[in-house]
């Protein structure tokens, strides 16, 4: 589903990146994808017949992997071993331990591993990061996070979707992971979790479509977290951060800052994020920003903005929420 978004991002990235080819289990799917390129695209991308052909292509410097999580290790090992850099769609892997294996494998191979957490590249998110780091807000006291999304049953009727074997879970790892990453980027790590996870009456699926958790942060703040794909008709996710001198709220691409002295500020523009029945209802521009940052990092030989090791923080918190919910007790993050 997200392949079309990446194609649009590549097509608009100009000189930053050139598409050399596509590999898919079905060649006709790859051909259909490439048909979406502009007629004047300055290259003739190939449809690779197999992974060996892709690896043998010396013109390829980096590979974007957007397969289901259950087949990634089979791809990442050979690609990393060939010295090609990897930009990985979320999640890094199905589980925390698999994700750590992926990161260690890429670090050992000496390649760059970037992860697509495009919500960090929204104008409002970048403004929030700047304000948190550069403006004197005082101590962070409380955090509120909500991901009230909706998915029709038809979404989960696709074989393997919403299962632990293919996806690694449900709403947490497939949908809320973006907002979890954004929260942690702004707040720092969580130290303890107490959670409830469940599958609602609205879906027939193996994993959770609802999760709620109380959070304790390493900096002493407390927080609440809710993630759902059973919140019809679905609405924008939000992150609220309450500091001693101001409160920040990110929602639908807009940052609102309310200072205790009465001053207010607003950054960004309202935008769709895929929270409703159509999971692809969002712009390609954030993916384009991720791609341009990653390609620039490869050219300069520096780390991308979002590395595989940084992305482990979201996987660890998801693991903690799942474990706490399943075992019915507080879960400590180490």
C-alpha atoms as a PDB file:
ATOM      1  CA  UNK A   1       0.000   0.000   0.000  1.00  0.00           C
ATOM      2  CA  UNK A   2       2.741   2.454   0.957  1.00  0.00           C
ATOM      3  CA  UNK A   3       4.783   1.699  -2.189  1.00  0.00           C
ATOM      4  CA  UNK A   4       2.838   4.311  -4.143  1.00  0.00           C
ATOM      5  CA  UNK A   5       3.692   6.938  -1.538  1.00  0.00           C
ATOM      6  CA  UNK A   6       7.375   6.098  -1.816  1.00  0.00           C
ATOM      7  CA  UNK A   7       7.187   6.254  -5.599  1.00  0.00           C
ATOM      8  CA  UNK A   8       5.665   9.728  -5.418  1.00  0.00           C
ATOM      9  CA  UNK A   9       8.367  10.768  -2.950  1.00  0.00           C
ATOM     10  CA  UNK A  10      11.094   9.497  -5.302  1.00  0.00           C
ATOM     11  CA  UNK A  11       9.519  11.180  -8.324  1.00  0.00           C
ATOM     12  CA  UNK A  12       9.446  14.537  -6.510  1.00  0.00           C
ATOM     13  CA  UNK A  13      12.897  14.216  -4.955  1.00  0.00           C
ATOM     14  CA  UNK A  14      14.618  15.363  -8.153  1.00  0.00           C
ATOM     15  CA  UNK A  15      18.399  15.077  -8.085  1.00  0.00           C
ATOM     16  CA  UNK A  16      18.401  13.712  -4.538  1.00  0.00           C
ATOM     17  CA  UNK A  17      17.673  10.158  -5.658  1.00  0.00           C
ATOM     18  CA  UNK A  18      17.187   8.086  -8.825  1.00  0.00           C
ATOM     19  CA  UNK A  19      15.065   4.955  -8.914  1.00  0.00           C
ATOM     20  CA  UNK A  20      17.058   2.100 -10.472  1.00  0.00           C
ATOM     21  CA  UNK A  21      14.561  -0.714 -10.110  1.00  0.00           C
ATOM     22  CA  UNK A  22      11.829  -2.507  -8.175  1.00  0.00           C
ATOM     23  CA  UNK A  23      11.687  -6.013  -6.749  1.00  0.00           C
ATOM     24  CA  UNK A  24       8.352  -7.626  -5.917  1.00  0.00           C
ATOM     25  CA  UNK A  25       7.129 -11.194  -5.486  1.00  0.00           C
ATOM     26  CA  UNK A  26       4.920 -10.501  -8.496  1.00  0.00           C
ATOM     27  CA  UNK A  27       6.494  -8.832 -11.506  1.00  0.00           C
ATOM     28  CA  UNK A  28       3.141  -7.457 -12.657  1.00  0.00           C
ATOM     29  CA  UNK A  29       2.799  -5.575  -9.377  1.00  0.00           C
ATOM     30  CA  UNK A  30       6.216  -3.988  -9.893  1.00  0.00           C
ATOM     31  CA  UNK A  31       5.285  -3.035 -13.473  1.00  0.00           C
ATOM     32  CA  UNK A  32       2.034  -1.469 -12.292  1.00  0.00           C
ATOM     33  CA  UNK A  33       3.921   0.526  -9.671  1.00  0.00           C
ATOM     34  CA  UNK A  34       6.449   1.838 -12.196  1.00  0.00           C
ATOM     35  CA  UNK A  35       3.603   2.916 -14.461  1.00  0.00           C
ATOM     36  CA  UNK A  36       2.942   5.618 -11.882  1.00  0.00           C
ATOM     37  CA  UNK A  37       6.208   7.400 -12.625  1.00  0.00           C
ATOM     38  CA  UNK A  38       5.984  10.629 -14.652  1.00  0.00           C
ATOM     39  CA  UNK A  39       6.455  10.200 -18.404  1.00  0.00           C
ATOM     40  CA  UNK A  40       9.529  12.429 -18.267  1.00  0.00           C
ATOM     41  CA  UNK A  41      11.243  10.527 -15.423  1.00  0.00           C
ATOM     42  CA  UNK A  42      14.975  10.655 -16.268  1.00  0.00           C
ATOM     43  CA  UNK A  43      15.635   6.916 -15.852  1.00  0.00           C
ATOM     44  CA  UNK A  44      14.230   3.567 -16.966  1.00  0.00           C
ATOM     45  CA  UNK A  45      13.925   1.533 -13.752  1.00  0.00           C
ATOM     46  CA  UNK A  46      14.269  -2.215 -14.006  1.00  0.00           C
ATOM     47  CA  UNK A  47      11.968  -4.922 -12.653  1.00  0.00           C
ATOM     48  CA  UNK A  48      14.401  -7.246 -10.902  1.00  0.00           C
ATOM     49  CA  UNK A  49      13.670 -10.941 -11.273  1.00  0.00           C
ATOM     50  CA  UNK A  50      15.126 -11.784  -7.838  1.00  0.00           C
ATOM     51  CA  UNK A  51      17.174 -10.473  -4.939  1.00  0.00           C
ATOM     52  CA  UNK A  52      20.440 -11.681  -6.458  1.00  0.00           C
ATOM     53  CA  UNK A  53      19.924  -9.476  -9.507  1.00  0.00           C
ATOM     54  CA  UNK A  54      19.245  -6.454  -7.314  1.00  0.00           C
ATOM     55  CA  UNK A  55      22.345  -7.093  -5.218  1.00  0.00           C
ATOM     56  CA  UNK A  56      24.458  -7.518  -8.363  1.00  0.00           C
ATOM     57  CA  UNK A  57      23.391  -4.092  -9.671  1.00  0.00           C
ATOM     58  CA  UNK A  58      26.396  -1.893  -8.850  1.00  0.00           C
ATOM     59  CA  UNK A  59      24.453   1.276  -9.654  1.00  0.00           C
ATOM     60  CA  UNK A  60      22.265   0.706  -6.588  1.00  0.00           C
ATOM     61  CA  UNK A  61      23.618   2.437  -3.471  1.00  0.00           C
ATOM     62  CA  UNK A  62      20.585   1.998  -1.206  1.00  0.00           C
ATOM     63  CA  UNK A  63      17.409  -0.052  -0.972  1.00  0.00           C
ATOM     64  CA  UNK A  64      14.012   0.909   0.455  1.00  0.00           C
ATOM     65  CA  UNK A  65      12.379  -2.121   2.106  1.00  0.00           C
ATOM     66  CA  UNK A  66       8.608  -1.970   2.614  1.00  0.00           C
ATOM     67  CA  UNK A  67       7.678  -5.646   2.868  1.00  0.00           C
ATOM     68  CA  UNK A  68       5.667  -7.151   5.724  1.00  0.00           C
ATOM     69  CA  UNK A  69       7.843  -7.487   8.808  1.00  0.00           C
ATOM     70  CA  UNK A  70       7.989 -11.290   8.746  1.00  0.00           C
ATOM     71  CA  UNK A  71      10.194 -11.513   5.634  1.00  0.00           C
ATOM     72  CA  UNK A  72      12.636  -8.720   6.365  1.00  0.00           C
ATOM     73  CA  UNK A  73      15.514 -10.607   7.904  1.00  0.00           C
ATOM     74  CA  UNK A  74      15.770 -12.737   4.751  1.00  0.00           C
ATOM     75  CA  UNK A  75      16.229  -9.531   2.732  1.00  0.00           C
ATOM     76  CA  UNK A  76      18.228  -7.369   5.107  1.00  0.00           C
ATOM     77  CA  UNK A  77      21.036  -9.887   5.627  1.00  0.00           C
ATOM     78  CA  UNK A  78      22.051 -10.231   1.955  1.00  0.00           C
ATOM     79  CA  UNK A  79      21.461  -6.547   1.162  1.00  0.00           C
ATOM     80  CA  UNK A  80      23.505  -5.329   4.127  1.00  0.00           C
ATOM     81  CA  UNK A  81      26.189  -7.908   3.333  1.00  0.00           C
ATOM     82  CA  UNK A  82      26.494  -6.457  -0.179  1.00  0.00           C
ATOM     83  CA  UNK A  83      27.266  -3.024   1.262  1.00  0.00           C
ATOM     84  CA  UNK A  84      24.049  -1.363   0.128  1.00  0.00           C
ATOM     85  CA  UNK A  85      22.420   1.022   2.597  1.00  0.00           C
ATOM     86  CA  UNK A  86      18.860   0.374   3.775  1.00  0.00           C
ATOM     87  CA  UNK A  87      15.882   2.634   4.382  1.00  0.00           C
ATOM     88  CA  UNK A  88      13.274   0.583   6.218  1.00  0.00           C
ATOM     89  CA  UNK A  89       9.552   1.154   6.521  1.00  0.00           C
ATOM     90  CA  UNK A  90       8.293   0.837  10.082  1.00  0.00           C
ATOM     91  CA  UNK A  91       8.470  -1.302  12.079  1.00  0.00           C
ATOM     92  CA  UNK A  92      12.096  -2.391  12.127  1.00  0.00           C
ATOM     93  CA  UNK A  93      10.871  -5.940  12.791  1.00  0.00           C
ATOM     94  CA  UNK A  94       8.037  -7.915  14.398  1.00  0.00           C
ATOM     95  CA  UNK A  95       9.547  -8.013  17.880  1.00  0.00           C
ATOM     96  CA  UNK A  96      12.030  -6.142  20.000  1.00  0.00           C
ATOM     97  CA  UNK A  97      14.560  -8.965  19.792  1.00  0.00           C
ATOM     98  CA  UNK A  98      14.253  -9.231  15.993  1.00  0.00           C
ATOM     99  CA  UNK A  99      14.628  -5.457  15.696  1.00  0.00           C
ATOM    100  CA  UNK A 100      17.804  -5.538  17.767  1.00  0.00           C
ATOM    101  CA  UNK A 101      19.132  -8.289  15.485  1.00  0.00           C
ATOM    102  CA  UNK A 102      18.421  -6.142  12.400  1.00  0.00           C
ATOM    103  CA  UNK A 103      20.190  -3.119  13.866  1.00  0.00           C
ATOM    104  CA  UNK A 104      23.220  -5.130  14.973  1.00  0.00           C
ATOM    105  CA  UNK A 105      23.431  -6.848  11.578  1.00  0.00           C
ATOM    106  CA  UNK A 106      23.497  -3.507   9.731  1.00  0.00           C
ATOM    107  CA  UNK A 107      25.986  -1.973  12.152  1.00  0.00           C
ATOM    108  CA  UNK A 108      28.288  -4.974  11.739  1.00  0.00           C
ATOM    109  CA  UNK A 109      28.034  -4.629   7.943  1.00  0.00           C
ATOM    110  CA  UNK A 110      28.989  -0.963   8.219  1.00  0.00           C
ATOM    111  CA  UNK A 111      25.948   0.345   6.335  1.00  0.00           C
ATOM    112  CA  UNK A 112      23.454   3.090   7.133  1.00  0.00           C
ATOM    113  CA  UNK A 113      20.065   1.859   8.374  1.00  0.00           C
ATOM    114  CA  UNK A 114      17.347   4.513   8.282  1.00  0.00           C
ATOM    115  CA  UNK A 115      13.729   4.084   9.388  1.00  0.00           C
ATOM    116  CA  UNK A 116      10.662   5.805   7.956  1.00  0.00           C
ATOM    117  CA  UNK A 117       9.095   7.701  10.850  1.00  0.00           C
ATOM    118  CA  UNK A 118       7.836  10.508   8.659  1.00  0.00           C
ATOM    119  CA  UNK A 119       5.771  12.230  11.345  1.00  0.00           C
ATOM    120  CA  UNK A 120       8.977  13.738  12.690  1.00  0.00           C
ATOM    121  CA  UNK A 121       9.315  15.725   9.448  1.00  0.00           C
ATOM    122  CA  UNK A 122       6.038  17.603   9.678  1.00  0.00           C
ATOM    123  CA  UNK A 123       6.478  21.333  10.120  1.00  0.00           C
ATOM    124  CA  UNK A 124       4.620  21.220  13.443  1.00  0.00           C
ATOM    125  CA  UNK A 125       6.757  18.353  14.770  1.00  0.00           C
ATOM    126  CA  UNK A 126      10.001  20.121  13.856  1.00  0.00           C
ATOM    127  CA  UNK A 127       8.728  23.277  15.562  1.00  0.00           C
ATOM    128  CA  UNK A 128       7.851  21.294  18.679  1.00  0.00           C
ATOM    129  CA  UNK A 129      11.324  19.739  18.776  1.00  0.00           C
ATOM    130  CA  UNK A 130      12.964  23.156  18.455  1.00  0.00           C
ATOM    131  CA  UNK A 131      10.827  24.667  21.214  1.00  0.00           C
ATOM    132  CA  UNK A 132      11.389  21.732  23.573  1.00  0.00           C
ATOM    133  CA  UNK A 133      15.159  21.833  23.076  1.00  0.00           C
ATOM    134  CA  UNK A 134      15.834  25.553  22.734  1.00  0.00           C
ATOM    135  CA  UNK A 135      13.150  27.417  24.685  1.00  0.00           C
ATOM    136  CA  UNK A 136      13.000  27.442  28.469  1.00  0.00           C
ATOM    137  CA  UNK A 137       9.797  25.486  29.155  1.00  0.00           C
ATOM    138  CA  UNK A 138      10.732  24.229  32.595  1.00  0.00           C
ATOM    139  CA  UNK A 139      10.267  20.635  33.656  1.00  0.00           C
ATOM    140  CA  UNK A 140       7.957  18.250  31.817  1.00  0.00           C
ATOM    141  CA  UNK A 141       5.181  17.153  34.170  1.00  0.00           C
ATOM    142  CA  UNK A 142       2.544  15.283  32.187  1.00  0.00           C
ATOM    143  CA  UNK A 143       2.040  13.751  28.732  1.00  0.00           C
ATOM    144  CA  UNK A 144      -1.182  12.785  26.936  1.00  0.00           C
ATOM    145  CA  UNK A 145      -1.123  10.711  23.755  1.00  0.00           C
ATOM    146  CA  UNK A 146      -4.124   9.490  21.763  1.00  0.00           C
ATOM    147  CA  UNK A 147      -4.348   7.595  18.471  1.00  0.00           C
ATOM    148  CA  UNK A 148      -8.118   7.253  17.876  1.00  0.00           C
ATOM    149  CA  UNK A 149      -8.050   5.618  14.451  1.00  0.00           C
ATOM    150  CA  UNK A 150     -10.453   3.377  12.553  1.00  0.00           C
ATOM    151  CA  UNK A 151      -9.933   0.422  10.240  1.00  0.00           C
ATOM    152  CA  UNK A 152     -12.752  -1.519   8.555  1.00  0.00           C
ATOM    153  CA  UNK A 153     -12.806  -5.287   8.947  1.00  0.00           C
ATOM    154  CA  UNK A 154     -11.858  -5.526   5.266  1.00  0.00           C
ATOM    155  CA  UNK A 155      -8.464  -4.090   6.218  1.00  0.00           C
ATOM    156  CA  UNK A 156      -7.824  -7.023   8.553  1.00  0.00           C
ATOM    157  CA  UNK A 157      -9.231  -9.564   6.111  1.00  0.00           C
ATOM    158  CA  UNK A 158      -5.972  -9.406   4.149  1.00  0.00           C
ATOM    159  CA  UNK A 159      -4.119 -12.638   4.967  1.00  0.00           C
ATOM    160  CA  UNK A 160      -1.732 -12.147   7.881  1.00  0.00           C
ATOM    161  CA  UNK A 161      -2.718  -8.581   8.729  1.00  0.00           C
ATOM    162  CA  UNK A 162      -3.152  -7.991  12.430  1.00  0.00           C
ATOM    163  CA  UNK A 163      -1.321 -11.233  13.302  1.00  0.00           C
ATOM    164  CA  UNK A 164       1.796 -11.676  15.405  1.00  0.00           C
ATOM    165  CA  UNK A 165       3.379 -13.954  12.825  1.00  0.00           C
ATOM    166  CA  UNK A 166       3.283 -11.471   9.933  1.00  0.00           C
ATOM    167  CA  UNK A 167       2.975  -8.000  11.459  1.00  0.00           C
ATOM    168  CA  UNK A 168       4.174  -8.501  15.019  1.00  0.00           C
ATOM    169  CA  UNK A 169       0.875  -7.278  16.449  1.00  0.00           C
ATOM    170  CA  UNK A 170      -2.011  -4.934  15.764  1.00  0.00           C
ATOM    171  CA  UNK A 171      -2.758  -1.266  16.380  1.00  0.00           C
ATOM    172  CA  UNK A 172       0.384  -0.637  18.406  1.00  0.00           C
ATOM    173  CA  UNK A 173       3.034  -1.784  15.947  1.00  0.00           C
ATOM    174  CA  UNK A 174       1.166  -1.060  12.709  1.00  0.00           C
ATOM    175  CA  UNK A 175      -0.511   2.301  13.454  1.00  0.00           C
ATOM    176  CA  UNK A 176       0.447   3.893  16.778  1.00  0.00           C
ATOM    177  CA  UNK A 177       4.175   3.289  16.326  1.00  0.00           C
ATOM    178  CA  UNK A 178       4.494   6.610  14.459  1.00  0.00           C
ATOM    179  CA  UNK A 179       3.008   8.580  17.346  1.00  0.00           C
ATOM    180  CA  UNK A 180       4.987   6.570  19.897  1.00  0.00           C
ATOM    181  CA  UNK A 181       8.204   7.470  18.071  1.00  0.00           C
ATOM    182  CA  UNK A 182       7.177  11.126  17.896  1.00  0.00           C
ATOM    183  CA  UNK A 183       6.356  11.204  21.611  1.00  0.00           C
ATOM    184  CA  UNK A 184       9.673   9.610  22.632  1.00  0.00           C
ATOM    185  CA  UNK A 185      11.579  11.987  20.336  1.00  0.00           C
ATOM    186  CA  UNK A 186      10.116  14.880  22.318  1.00  0.00           C
ATOM    187  CA  UNK A 187       9.951  13.443  25.846  1.00  0.00           C
ATOM    188  CA  UNK A 188      12.809  11.021  26.231  1.00  0.00           C
ATOM    189  CA  UNK A 189      12.465   7.419  27.431  1.00  0.00           C
ATOM    190  CA  UNK A 190       9.693   5.749  29.406  1.00  0.00           C
ATOM    191  CA  UNK A 191      10.760   3.808  32.503  1.00  0.00           C
ATOM    192  CA  UNK A 192       7.564   2.003  33.585  1.00  0.00           C
ATOM    193  CA  UNK A 193       4.265   0.986  31.984  1.00  0.00           C
ATOM    194  CA  UNK A 194       0.942  -0.393  33.183  1.00  0.00           C
ATOM    195  CA  UNK A 195      -1.347  -1.310  30.288  1.00  0.00           C
ATOM    196  CA  UNK A 196      -4.540  -2.945  29.101  1.00  0.00           C
ATOM    197  CA  UNK A 197      -4.663  -4.379  25.577  1.00  0.00           C
ATOM    198  CA  UNK A 198      -7.677  -5.983  23.918  1.00  0.00           C
ATOM    199  CA  UNK A 199      -9.421  -6.898  20.683  1.00  0.00           C
ATOM    200  CA  UNK A 200     -12.794  -5.143  20.461  1.00  0.00           C
ATOM    201  CA  UNK A 201     -16.074  -6.522  19.159  1.00  0.00           C
ATOM    202  CA  UNK A 202     -15.536  -4.548  15.943  1.00  0.00           C
ATOM    203  CA  UNK A 203     -12.780  -6.724  14.500  1.00  0.00           C
ATOM    204  CA  UNK A 204     -11.974 -10.364  13.925  1.00  0.00           C
ATOM    205  CA  UNK A 205      -8.191 -10.423  14.286  1.00  0.00           C
ATOM    206  CA  UNK A 206      -5.521 -12.069  16.407  1.00  0.00           C
ATOM    207  CA  UNK A 207      -3.758  -9.033  17.868  1.00  0.00           C
ATOM    208  CA  UNK A 208      -5.010  -5.930  19.666  1.00  0.00           C
ATOM    209  CA  UNK A 209      -7.071  -3.145  18.132  1.00  0.00           C
ATOM    210  CA  UNK A 210      -7.166  -1.243  21.441  1.00  0.00           C
ATOM    211  CA  UNK A 211      -4.486  -0.357  23.997  1.00  0.00           C
ATOM    212  CA  UNK A 212      -4.407   2.012  26.940  1.00  0.00           C
ATOM    213  CA  UNK A 213      -1.438   2.590  29.224  1.00  0.00           C
ATOM    214  CA  UNK A 214      -0.210   4.663  32.105  1.00  0.00           C
ATOM    215  CA  UNK A 215       3.387   5.799  31.594  1.00  0.00           C
ATOM    216  CA  UNK A 216       6.198   6.878  33.883  1.00  0.00           C
ATOM    217  CA  UNK A 217       9.067   8.678  32.170  1.00  0.00           C
ATOM    218  CA  UNK A 218      12.730   8.589  33.114  1.00  0.00           C
ATOM    219  CA  UNK A 219      12.613  12.369  33.685  1.00  0.00           C
ATOM    220  CA  UNK A 220       9.859  12.010  36.306  1.00  0.00           C
ATOM    221  CA  UNK A 221       6.889  12.954  34.147  1.00  0.00           C
ATOM    222  CA  UNK A 222       3.730  10.840  34.027  1.00  0.00           C
ATOM    223  CA  UNK A 223       1.538  10.147  31.023  1.00  0.00           C
ATOM    224  CA  UNK A 224      -1.499   8.509  29.490  1.00  0.00           C
ATOM    225  CA  UNK A 225      -1.523   6.666  26.186  1.00  0.00           C
ATOM    226  CA  UNK A 226      -4.409   5.320  24.106  1.00  0.00           C
ATOM    227  CA  UNK A 227      -4.218   3.640  20.699  1.00  0.00           C
ATOM    228  CA  UNK A 228      -7.119   2.224  18.741  1.00  0.00           C
ATOM    229  CA  UNK A 229      -8.286   1.153  15.314  1.00  0.00           C
ATOM    230  CA  UNK A 230     -11.833   0.720  16.644  1.00  0.00           C
ATOM    231  CA  UNK A 231     -12.642   4.437  17.035  1.00  0.00           C
ATOM    232  CA  UNK A 232     -15.100   5.062  14.205  1.00  0.00           C
ATOM    233  CA  UNK A 233     -14.898   7.122  12.044  1.00  0.00           C
ATOM    234  CA  UNK A 234     -11.321   7.802  13.093  1.00  0.00           C
ATOM    235  CA  UNK A 235      -9.678  11.108  13.904  1.00  0.00           C
ATOM    236  CA  UNK A 236      -6.222  12.640  14.104  1.00  0.00           C
ATOM    237  CA  UNK A 237      -3.685  11.425  16.604  1.00  0.00           C
ATOM    238  CA  UNK A 238      -2.505  13.904  19.235  1.00  0.00           C
ATOM    239  CA  UNK A 239       0.436  14.435  21.568  1.00  0.00           C
ATOM    240  CA  UNK A 240       0.112  16.897  24.455  1.00  0.00           C
ATOM    241  CA  UNK A 241       3.130  17.879  26.559  1.00  0.00           C
ATOM    242  CA  UNK A 242       2.579  19.845  29.767  1.00  0.00           C
ATOM    243  CA  UNK A 243       5.635  21.752  31.010  1.00  0.00           C
ATOM    244  CA  UNK A 244       5.957  24.151  33.924  1.00  0.00           C
ATOM    245  CA  UNK A 245       5.805  27.224  31.685  1.00  0.00           C
ATOM    246  CA  UNK A 246       3.714  26.071  28.713  1.00  0.00           C
ATOM    247  CA  UNK A 247       1.714  23.232  27.193  1.00  0.00           C
ATOM    248  CA  UNK A 248       2.303  21.982  23.646  1.00  0.00           C
ATOM    249  CA  UNK A 249      -0.285  20.071  21.622  1.00  0.00           C
ATOM    250  CA  UNK A 250       0.374  18.381  18.284  1.00  0.00           C
ATOM    251  CA  UNK A 251      -2.695  17.339  16.322  1.00  0.00           C
ATOM    252  CA  UNK A 252      -3.488  16.975  12.604  1.00  0.00           C
ATOM    253  CA  UNK A 253      -0.239  18.633  11.551  1.00  0.00           C
ATOM    254  CA  UNK A 254      -0.720  21.665  13.807  1.00  0.00           C
ATOM    255  CA  UNK A 255       1.246  22.634  16.926  1.00  0.00           C
ATOM    256  CA  UNK A 256      -0.502  24.792  19.523  1.00  0.00           C
ATOM    257  CA  UNK A 257       1.593  26.342  22.302  1.00  0.00           C
ATOM    258  CA  UNK A 258      -0.220  27.770  25.307  1.00  0.00           C
ATOM    259  CA  UNK A 259       2.012  29.668  27.693  1.00  0.00           C
ATOM    260  CA  UNK A 260       1.104  30.071  31.354  1.00  0.00           C
ATOM    261  CA  UNK A 261       1.359  33.850  30.902  1.00  0.00           C
ATOM    262  CA  UNK A 262      -1.540  33.775  28.418  1.00  0.00           C
ATOM    263  CA  UNK A 263       0.468  33.935  25.192  1.00  0.00           C
ATOM    264  CA  UNK A 264      -0.449  31.462  22.428  1.00  0.00           C
ATOM    265  CA  UNK A 265       1.419  30.331  19.303  1.00  0.00           C
ATOM    266  CA  UNK A 266       0.465  28.112  16.359  1.00  0.00           C
ATOM    267  CA  UNK A 267       2.693  26.327  13.855  1.00  0.00           C
ATOM    268  CA  UNK A 268       1.990  24.100  10.837  1.00  0.00           C
ATOM    269  CA  UNK A 269      -1.103  23.459   8.748  1.00  0.00           C
ATOM    270  CA  UNK A 270      -3.981  21.039   9.153  1.00  0.00           C
ATOM    271  CA  UNK A 271      -3.379  17.805   7.239  1.00  0.00           C
ATOM    272  CA  UNK A 272      -4.780  14.282   6.970  1.00  0.00           C
ATOM    273  CA  UNK A 273      -2.783  11.462   8.581  1.00  0.00           C
ATOM    274  CA  UNK A 274      -4.553   8.258   7.525  1.00  0.00           C
ATOM    275  CA  UNK A 275      -6.596   7.821  10.687  1.00  0.00           C
ATOM    276  CA  UNK A 276      -9.878   6.997   8.944  1.00  0.00           C
ATOM    277  CA  UNK A 277     -11.053   4.120   6.805  1.00  0.00           C
ATOM    278  CA  UNK A 278      -8.563   5.035   4.051  1.00  0.00           C
ATOM    279  CA  UNK A 279      -5.118   4.358   5.554  1.00  0.00           C
ATOM    280  CA  UNK A 280      -3.382   6.076   2.627  1.00  0.00           C
ATOM    281  CA  UNK A 281      -5.080   9.448   3.101  1.00  0.00           C
ATOM    282  CA  UNK A 282      -1.898  11.445   3.635  1.00  0.00           C
ATOM    283  CA  UNK A 283       0.642  13.369   1.590  1.00  0.00           C
ATOM    284  CA  UNK A 284       3.879  11.932   0.166  1.00  0.00           C
ATOM    285  CA  UNK A 285       5.791  15.036   1.244  1.00  0.00           C
ATOM    286  CA  UNK A 286       6.828  13.704   4.670  1.00  0.00           C
ATOM    287  CA  UNK A 287       8.185  10.518   3.062  1.00  0.00           C
ATOM    288  CA  UNK A 288      10.025  12.717   0.585  1.00  0.00           C
ATOM    289  CA  UNK A 289      11.686  14.559   3.468  1.00  0.00           C
ATOM    290  CA  UNK A 290      12.768  11.255   5.026  1.00  0.00           C
ATOM    291  CA  UNK A 291      14.118  10.069   1.671  1.00  0.00           C
ATOM    292  CA  UNK A 292      16.026  13.269   0.945  1.00  0.00           C
ATOM    293  CA  UNK A 293      17.541  13.253   4.421  1.00  0.00           C
ATOM    294  CA  UNK A 294      18.565   9.611   4.061  1.00  0.00           C
ATOM    295  CA  UNK A 295      20.069  10.021   0.581  1.00  0.00           C
ATOM    296  CA  UNK A 296      21.978  13.078   1.758  1.00  0.00           C
ATOM    297  CA  UNK A 297      23.339  11.146   4.722  1.00  0.00           C
ATOM    298  CA  UNK A 298      24.515   8.338   2.429  1.00  0.00           C
ATOM    299  CA  UNK A 299      26.276  10.817   0.130  1.00  0.00           C
ATOM    300  CA  UNK A 300      27.979  12.621   3.013  1.00  0.00           C
ATOM    301  CA  UNK A 301      28.800   9.491   4.990  1.00  0.00           C
ATOM    302  CA  UNK A 302      26.898  10.626   8.102  1.00  0.00           C
ATOM    303  CA  UNK A 303      24.033   9.118  10.067  1.00  0.00           C
ATOM    304  CA  UNK A 304      20.476   9.799   8.837  1.00  0.00           C
ATOM    305  CA  UNK A 305      18.073  11.721  11.053  1.00  0.00           C
ATOM    306  CA  UNK A 306      16.297   8.523  12.106  1.00  0.00           C
ATOM    307  CA  UNK A 307      18.644   5.576  12.561  1.00  0.00           C
ATOM    308  CA  UNK A 308      17.739   1.970  13.204  1.00  0.00           C
ATOM    309  CA  UNK A 309      19.167   2.185  16.707  1.00  0.00           C
ATOM    310  CA  UNK A 310      17.037   5.252  17.492  1.00  0.00           C
ATOM    311  CA  UNK A 311      13.972   3.408  16.201  1.00  0.00           C
ATOM    312  CA  UNK A 312      14.495   0.666  18.781  1.00  0.00           C
ATOM    313  CA  UNK A 313      13.045   2.972  21.453  1.00  0.00           C
ATOM    314  CA  UNK A 314       9.559   2.729  19.930  1.00  0.00           C
ATOM    315  CA  UNK A 315       9.840  -1.049  19.579  1.00  0.00           C
ATOM    316  CA  UNK A 316      10.871  -1.388  23.241  1.00  0.00           C
ATOM    317  CA  UNK A 317       7.915   0.667  24.440  1.00  0.00           C
ATOM    318  CA  UNK A 318       5.496  -1.325  22.279  1.00  0.00           C
ATOM    319  CA  UNK A 319       6.954  -4.534  23.728  1.00  0.00           C
ATOM    320  CA  UNK A 320       6.482  -3.158  27.252  1.00  0.00           C
ATOM    321  CA  UNK A 321       2.848  -2.158  26.610  1.00  0.00           C
ATOM    322  CA  UNK A 322       2.100  -5.575  25.108  1.00  0.00           C
ATOM    323  CA  UNK A 323       3.778  -7.445  27.954  1.00  0.00           C
ATOM    324  CA  UNK A 324       2.079  -5.355  30.625  1.00  0.00           C
ATOM    325  CA  UNK A 325      -1.314  -5.787  28.984  1.00  0.00           C
ATOM    326  CA  UNK A 326      -0.933  -9.525  28.481  1.00  0.00           C
ATOM    327  CA  UNK A 327       0.507 -10.255  31.933  1.00  0.00           C
ATOM    328  CA  UNK A 328      -1.633  -7.750  33.841  1.00  0.00           C
ATOM    329  CA  UNK A 329       1.198  -6.078  35.741  1.00  0.00           C
ATOM    330  CA  UNK A 330       3.580  -3.138  35.679  1.00  0.00           C
ATOM    331  CA  UNK A 331       6.395  -3.592  33.159  1.00  0.00           C
ATOM    332  CA  UNK A 332       9.798  -2.017  33.762  1.00  0.00           C
ATOM    333  CA  UNK A 333      11.850  -0.861  30.793  1.00  0.00           C
ATOM    334  CA  UNK A 334      15.554  -1.452  31.173  1.00  0.00           C
END
